[in-house]
Amino acid sequence: MLRIGLFSKLSQVSIKTLRYYDQIGLLKPVDVDSFTGYRYYSLHQLSRLNRILALKDLGFSLEQVGRMLDEDLSLSEMQGMLRMRQAELQQQMDETRARLENVAFRLRQVEEEVVMQEHEVVIKKVEPQRMAAIRGVVANYGAQGSLWHALSDHLRQHGVRAIGPSIVVDLSGEYREQDVDLEVLAPIDADLPESKRVKVKTLPGIETAASILHKGGYDGLRETYIVLMKWIEEHGYTITGPDREVYLHCPGDASDPLMYAGAGPTDPADYVTEVMFPVRKVN
């Protein structure tokens, strides 16, 4: 037999709790010294105590726990109940994690509003450009690499290099989580044979474009878009066509024909992307 102090240590349950369980008849000691009042427990009582604690963690009241133990739940029934509770807790954790990520995103939005000032947005005219282009539907915005690789391979095959920064135009008409319609383009001044995918075209100019520079990695572009669209709305403009991203300084090897100015930066902090919308004044 074990004195209550040792039983408490083995079970990691306080003496106060063990005494309370004894008081309500949930876990009575196997013996109580009539002279000293010391409570004694046996090792086999650890099994019952573990079931008490498990059922309590499942959210049952101690009164309910007592009735369930009197019904002598089998080990498999106990395991099933615990697995169900484990799944519920995992779902709660996933939901909490998602809420934390959303709070972090909103916090970044607020911080960007403080950092990005109104003078960073400019109104400009964009001239038409002769471009090599590929249009395609990709899984999401981060999957546009396949389009760029195909365009780069075609330029390399024909010994043509871009003469300026590459551009992507979002033709989806809205934000899409999947199946994004994009056109990737590189400015050229040499003759380039077309293929089934690669076309040579003139990218139309924009008479009035609202433009902003984004410095840093592409994961922060969403905040830059929000700043730009807020500026457009507040200054009496409306968007008249698809947005463009112009990759002024982007990662890439010097051998890539898309890299008109040689190797690009390796540190995302050094990336520079111009984001623009065609707009017109409404008031």
Protein backbone atom coordinates (compact mmCIF):
# COMPACT_ATOMS: atom_id res chain seq x y z
CA MET A 1 0.00 0.00 0.00
CA LEU A 2 1.06 3.58 -0.69
CA ARG A 3 0.62 6.55 1.59
CA ILE A 4 -1.33 9.41 0.04
CA GLY A 5 1.78 11.53 -0.50
CA LEU A 6 3.52 8.89 -2.60
CA PHE A 7 0.30 8.06 -4.47
CA SER A 8 -0.07 11.78 -5.19
CA LYS A 9 3.46 11.91 -6.60
CA LEU A 10 2.97 8.85 -8.80
CA SER A 11 -0.36 10.05 -10.16
CA GLN A 12 0.64 13.75 -10.32
CA VAL A 13 -2.65 14.62 -8.60
CA SER A 14 -2.57 16.86 -5.53
CA ILE A 15 -3.32 15.50 -2.08
CA LYS A 16 -6.12 18.04 -1.77
CA THR A 17 -7.78 16.63 -4.90
CA LEU A 18 -7.36 13.03 -3.71
CA ARG A 19 -9.00 13.92 -0.41
CA TYR A 20 -11.89 15.55 -2.27
CA TYR A 21 -12.36 12.48 -4.46
CA ASP A 22 -12.47 10.42 -1.29
CA GLN A 23 -15.02 12.79 0.24
CA ILE A 24 -17.44 12.49 -2.69
CA GLY A 25 -16.89 8.75 -3.04
CA LEU A 26 -15.20 8.93 -6.42
CA LEU A 27 -11.88 7.35 -5.34
CA LYS A 28 -11.74 6.04 -1.82
CA PRO A 29 -8.44 4.83 -0.31
CA VAL A 30 -8.08 1.11 0.30
CA ASP A 31 -7.36 1.81 3.95
CA VAL A 32 -7.39 4.65 6.46
CA ASP A 33 -5.28 4.37 9.60
CA SER A 34 -7.75 4.70 12.47
CA PHE A 35 -5.14 6.23 14.75
CA THR A 36 -3.29 8.67 12.43
CA GLY A 37 -5.97 9.15 9.78
CA TYR A 38 -3.43 8.49 7.03
CA ARG A 39 -4.95 7.38 3.75
CA TYR A 40 -3.42 4.44 1.89
CA TYR A 41 -3.85 3.56 -1.78
CA SER A 42 -2.86 0.64 -3.98
CA LEU A 43 -1.21 0.75 -7.38
CA HIS A 44 -4.23 -0.79 -9.10
CA GLN A 45 -6.19 2.36 -8.17
CA LEU A 46 -4.07 4.35 -10.64
CA SER A 47 -6.19 2.86 -13.43
CA ARG A 48 -9.41 4.22 -11.93
CA LEU A 49 -7.80 7.60 -11.25
CA ASN A 50 -6.57 7.82 -14.86
CA ARG A 51 -10.12 7.19 -16.08
CA ILE A 52 -11.46 9.86 -13.74
CA LEU A 53 -8.98 12.39 -15.10
CA ALA A 54 -9.60 11.37 -18.71
CA LEU A 55 -13.39 11.72 -18.40
CA LYS A 56 -12.96 15.02 -16.58
CA ASP A 57 -10.80 16.30 -19.47
CA LEU A 58 -13.57 15.26 -21.83
CA GLY A 59 -15.80 17.81 -20.12
CA PHE A 60 -17.89 15.54 -17.90
CA SER A 61 -18.82 16.66 -14.39
CA LEU A 62 -17.49 14.61 -11.48
CA GLU A 63 -21.03 13.39 -10.82
CA GLN A 64 -21.25 12.14 -14.40
CA VAL A 65 -17.79 10.60 -14.13
CA GLY A 66 -18.89 8.63 -11.07
CA ARG A 67 -21.94 7.24 -12.86
CA MET A 68 -19.90 6.30 -15.93
CA LEU A 69 -17.32 4.48 -13.85
CA ASP A 70 -20.07 2.57 -12.07
CA GLU A 71 -21.17 1.41 -15.54
CA ASP A 72 -17.65 -0.04 -15.95
CA LEU A 73 -16.66 1.43 -19.32
CA SER A 74 -14.40 -0.85 -21.33
CA LEU A 75 -10.90 0.20 -22.34
CA SER A 76 -11.90 0.42 -26.01
CA GLU A 77 -14.88 2.65 -25.16
CA MET A 78 -12.58 4.92 -23.17
CA GLN A 79 -10.08 5.05 -26.04
CA GLY A 80 -12.84 5.94 -28.49
CA MET A 81 -14.07 8.80 -26.34
CA LEU A 82 -10.55 10.15 -25.92
CA ARG A 83 -9.85 10.00 -29.64
CA MET A 84 -13.03 11.95 -30.34
CA ARG A 85 -12.00 14.59 -27.82
CA GLN A 86 -8.52 14.69 -29.34
CA ALA A 87 -10.02 15.38 -32.77
CA GLU A 88 -12.22 18.17 -31.35
CA LEU A 89 -9.25 19.83 -29.67
CA GLN A 90 -7.17 19.57 -32.85
CA GLN A 91 -9.95 21.29 -34.80
CA GLN A 92 -10.10 24.05 -32.19
CA MET A 93 -6.31 24.49 -32.47
CA ASP A 94 -6.53 24.72 -36.26
CA GLU A 95 -9.29 27.31 -36.03
CA THR A 96 -7.32 29.31 -33.46
CA ARG A 97 -4.20 29.15 -35.63
CA ALA A 98 -6.19 30.43 -38.61
CA ARG A 99 -7.57 33.31 -36.53
CA LEU A 100 -4.04 34.18 -35.36
CA GLU A 101 -2.81 34.26 -38.95
CA ASN A 102 -5.71 36.53 -39.90
CA VAL A 103 -4.96 38.88 -37.00
CA ALA A 104 -1.30 38.99 -38.07
CA PHE A 105 -2.35 39.86 -41.63
CA ARG A 106 -4.67 42.64 -40.44
CA LEU A 107 -1.87 43.97 -38.23
CA ARG A 108 0.45 44.13 -41.25
CA GLN A 109 -2.25 46.01 -43.16
CA VAL A 110 -2.52 48.61 -40.39
CA GLU A 111 1.27 48.95 -40.23
CA GLU A 112 1.47 49.38 -44.02
CA GLU A 113 -1.07 52.20 -43.85
CA VAL A 114 1.28 54.00 -41.49
CA VAL A 115 4.41 53.34 -43.57
CA MET A 116 3.06 54.01 -47.08
CA GLN A 117 2.30 57.65 -47.63
CA GLU A 118 0.14 59.28 -50.26
CA HIS A 119 3.03 60.78 -52.27
CA GLU A 120 4.24 57.32 -53.29
CA VAL A 121 1.36 56.98 -55.79
CA VAL A 122 1.87 58.76 -59.13
CA ILE A 123 -0.28 59.33 -62.19
CA LYS A 124 1.60 58.61 -65.41
CA LYS A 125 1.22 57.84 -69.11
CA VAL A 126 2.45 54.46 -70.35
CA GLU A 127 3.55 54.07 -73.97
CA PRO A 128 2.67 50.99 -76.07
CA GLN A 129 5.35 48.31 -76.18
CA ARG A 130 6.22 45.47 -78.55
CA MET A 131 6.22 42.33 -76.46
CA ALA A 132 6.76 38.59 -76.54
CA ALA A 133 3.84 37.15 -74.58
CA ILE A 134 2.35 33.96 -73.21
CA ARG A 135 -1.14 33.80 -71.77
CA GLY A 136 -2.29 30.92 -69.63
CA VAL A 137 -4.42 29.80 -66.72
CA VAL A 138 -2.32 28.70 -63.72
CA ALA A 139 -3.26 27.17 -60.39
CA ASN A 140 -2.72 30.39 -58.41
CA TYR A 141 -0.71 33.60 -58.49
CA GLY A 142 2.36 31.88 -57.07
CA ALA A 143 2.33 29.31 -59.90
CA GLN A 144 3.09 31.75 -62.74
CA GLY A 145 6.67 30.46 -62.89
CA SER A 146 5.71 27.90 -65.56
CA LEU A 147 4.68 30.74 -67.89
CA TRP A 148 7.92 32.62 -67.32
CA HIS A 149 10.03 29.50 -67.91
CA ALA A 150 8.26 28.82 -71.21
CA LEU A 151 8.73 32.42 -72.35
CA SER A 152 12.39 32.41 -71.33
CA ASP A 153 13.05 29.13 -73.16
CA HIS A 154 11.49 30.50 -76.36
CA LEU A 155 13.59 33.68 -76.25
CA ARG A 156 16.76 31.67 -75.60
CA GLN A 157 15.99 29.27 -78.43
CA HIS A 158 15.87 32.17 -80.89
CA GLY A 159 18.71 34.23 -79.42
CA VAL A 160 16.52 37.13 -78.32
CA ARG A 161 16.81 39.05 -75.05
CA ALA A 162 14.36 41.36 -73.31
CA ILE A 163 15.18 45.04 -73.60
CA GLY A 164 13.38 46.11 -70.44
CA PRO A 165 11.54 44.86 -67.39
CA SER A 166 9.06 42.02 -67.78
CA ILE A 167 5.37 42.52 -67.05
CA VAL A 168 2.48 40.35 -65.90
CA VAL A 169 -1.13 41.34 -66.61
CA ASP A 170 -3.92 39.82 -64.53
CA LEU A 171 -6.78 39.07 -66.93
CA SER A 172 -8.94 37.21 -64.38
CA GLY A 173 -11.15 40.24 -63.75
CA GLU A 174 -11.17 39.55 -60.03
CA TYR A 175 -9.07 38.04 -57.28
CA ARG A 176 -9.08 34.27 -57.65
CA GLU A 177 -7.68 31.66 -55.27
CA GLN A 178 -7.23 29.23 -58.16
CA ASP A 179 -7.35 29.08 -61.97
CA VAL A 180 -5.80 32.52 -62.47
CA ASP A 181 -5.74 33.94 -66.02
CA LEU A 182 -2.38 35.67 -66.50
CA GLU A 183 -0.35 37.03 -69.39
CA VAL A 184 3.42 37.33 -68.98
CA LEU A 185 5.29 39.65 -71.34
CA ALA A 186 8.84 40.69 -72.15
CA PRO A 187 9.69 43.78 -74.26
CA ILE A 188 11.70 42.98 -77.40
CA ASP A 189 13.06 44.84 -80.44
CA ALA A 190 14.32 41.87 -82.48
CA ASP A 191 12.46 39.59 -84.86
CA LEU A 192 11.01 36.65 -82.96
CA PRO A 193 9.16 33.71 -84.54
CA GLU A 194 5.90 32.91 -82.83
CA SER A 195 4.91 29.48 -81.56
CA LYS A 196 1.70 27.83 -80.47
CA ARG A 197 2.07 29.50 -77.06
CA VAL A 198 4.36 32.49 -77.60
CA LYS A 199 2.92 35.46 -79.47
CA VAL A 200 4.44 38.76 -80.53
CA LYS A 201 2.07 41.65 -79.84
CA THR A 202 1.82 45.29 -78.95
CA LEU A 203 0.86 45.81 -75.33
CA PRO A 204 -1.50 48.80 -75.45
CA GLY A 205 -0.40 52.00 -73.82
CA ILE A 206 -2.25 53.53 -70.87
CA GLU A 207 -3.26 57.17 -71.15
CA THR A 208 -3.70 57.52 -67.38
CA ALA A 209 -2.17 54.97 -64.99
CA ALA A 210 -2.04 55.08 -61.21
CA SER A 211 1.30 53.62 -60.21
CA ILE A 212 3.12 52.71 -57.00
CA LEU A 213 6.49 51.08 -56.30
CA HIS A 214 6.63 48.04 -54.04
CA LYS A 215 10.01 47.40 -52.44
CA GLY A 216 10.57 43.95 -50.95
CA GLY A 217 9.36 40.39 -51.34
CA TYR A 218 6.27 39.41 -53.27
CA ASP A 219 4.47 38.24 -50.13
CA GLY A 220 3.85 41.90 -49.27
CA LEU A 221 2.32 42.86 -52.63
CA ARG A 222 -1.24 42.48 -51.33
CA GLU A 223 -0.77 45.36 -48.91
CA THR A 224 0.65 47.52 -51.72
CA TYR A 225 -2.40 46.81 -53.88
CA ILE A 226 -4.67 47.87 -51.02
CA VAL A 227 -2.79 51.16 -50.60
CA LEU A 228 -2.97 51.85 -54.34
CA MET A 229 -6.68 51.05 -54.67
CA LYS A 230 -7.45 53.15 -51.59
CA TRP A 231 -5.58 56.08 -53.15
CA ILE A 232 -7.49 55.65 -56.44
CA GLU A 233 -10.84 55.74 -54.66
CA GLU A 234 -9.98 58.66 -52.39
CA HIS A 235 -8.72 60.80 -55.29
CA GLY A 236 -11.78 60.45 -57.48
CA TYR A 237 -10.55 57.88 -59.97
CA THR A 238 -12.04 54.60 -61.16
CA ILE A 239 -10.18 51.56 -62.48
CA THR A 240 -10.74 50.95 -66.21
CA GLY A 241 -8.75 47.80 -66.94
CA PRO A 242 -6.57 44.96 -65.63
CA ASP A 243 -3.67 45.67 -63.33
CA ARG A 244 -0.05 45.24 -64.34
CA GLU A 245 3.03 44.28 -62.34
CA VAL A 246 6.33 45.53 -63.78
CA TYR A 247 9.36 43.68 -62.39
CA LEU A 248 11.99 46.40 -62.23
CA HIS A 249 14.38 44.42 -60.02
CA CYS A 250 13.59 40.74 -59.66
CA PRO A 251 15.55 37.54 -59.00
CA GLY A 252 17.19 35.79 -61.92
CA ASP A 253 20.43 34.58 -63.46
CA ALA A 254 22.29 36.78 -65.95
CA SER A 255 22.01 34.02 -68.56
CA ASP A 256 18.21 34.27 -68.49
CA PRO A 257 17.11 36.28 -71.57
CA LEU A 258 14.38 37.88 -69.45
CA MET A 259 17.06 39.56 -67.30
CA TYR A 260 17.73 42.62 -69.46
CA ALA A 261 20.12 44.22 -66.95
CA GLY A 262 22.08 41.14 -65.87
CA ALA A 263 21.66 39.09 -62.72
CA GLY A 264 18.91 40.19 -60.38
CA PRO A 265 19.05 40.63 -56.60
CA THR A 266 19.11 37.56 -54.37
CA ASP A 267 17.75 39.28 -51.27
CA PRO A 268 13.94 39.78 -51.42
CA ALA A 269 14.41 43.08 -49.60
CA ASP A 270 16.02 44.39 -52.80
CA TYR A 271 13.17 43.44 -55.14
CA VAL A 272 11.38 46.38 -56.78
CA THR A 273 7.97 45.91 -58.44
CA GLU A 274 5.81 48.59 -60.01
CA VAL A 275 2.08 48.01 -59.60
CA MET A 276 -0.27 49.99 -61.82
CA PHE A 277 -3.93 50.30 -62.81
CA PRO A 278 -5.38 52.14 -65.79
CA VAL A 279 -7.74 54.75 -64.38
CA ARG A 280 -9.93 57.70 -65.34
CA LYS A 281 -11.15 60.65 -63.32
CA VAL A 282 -14.79 60.47 -62.24
CA ASN A 283 -15.08 63.51 -59.97
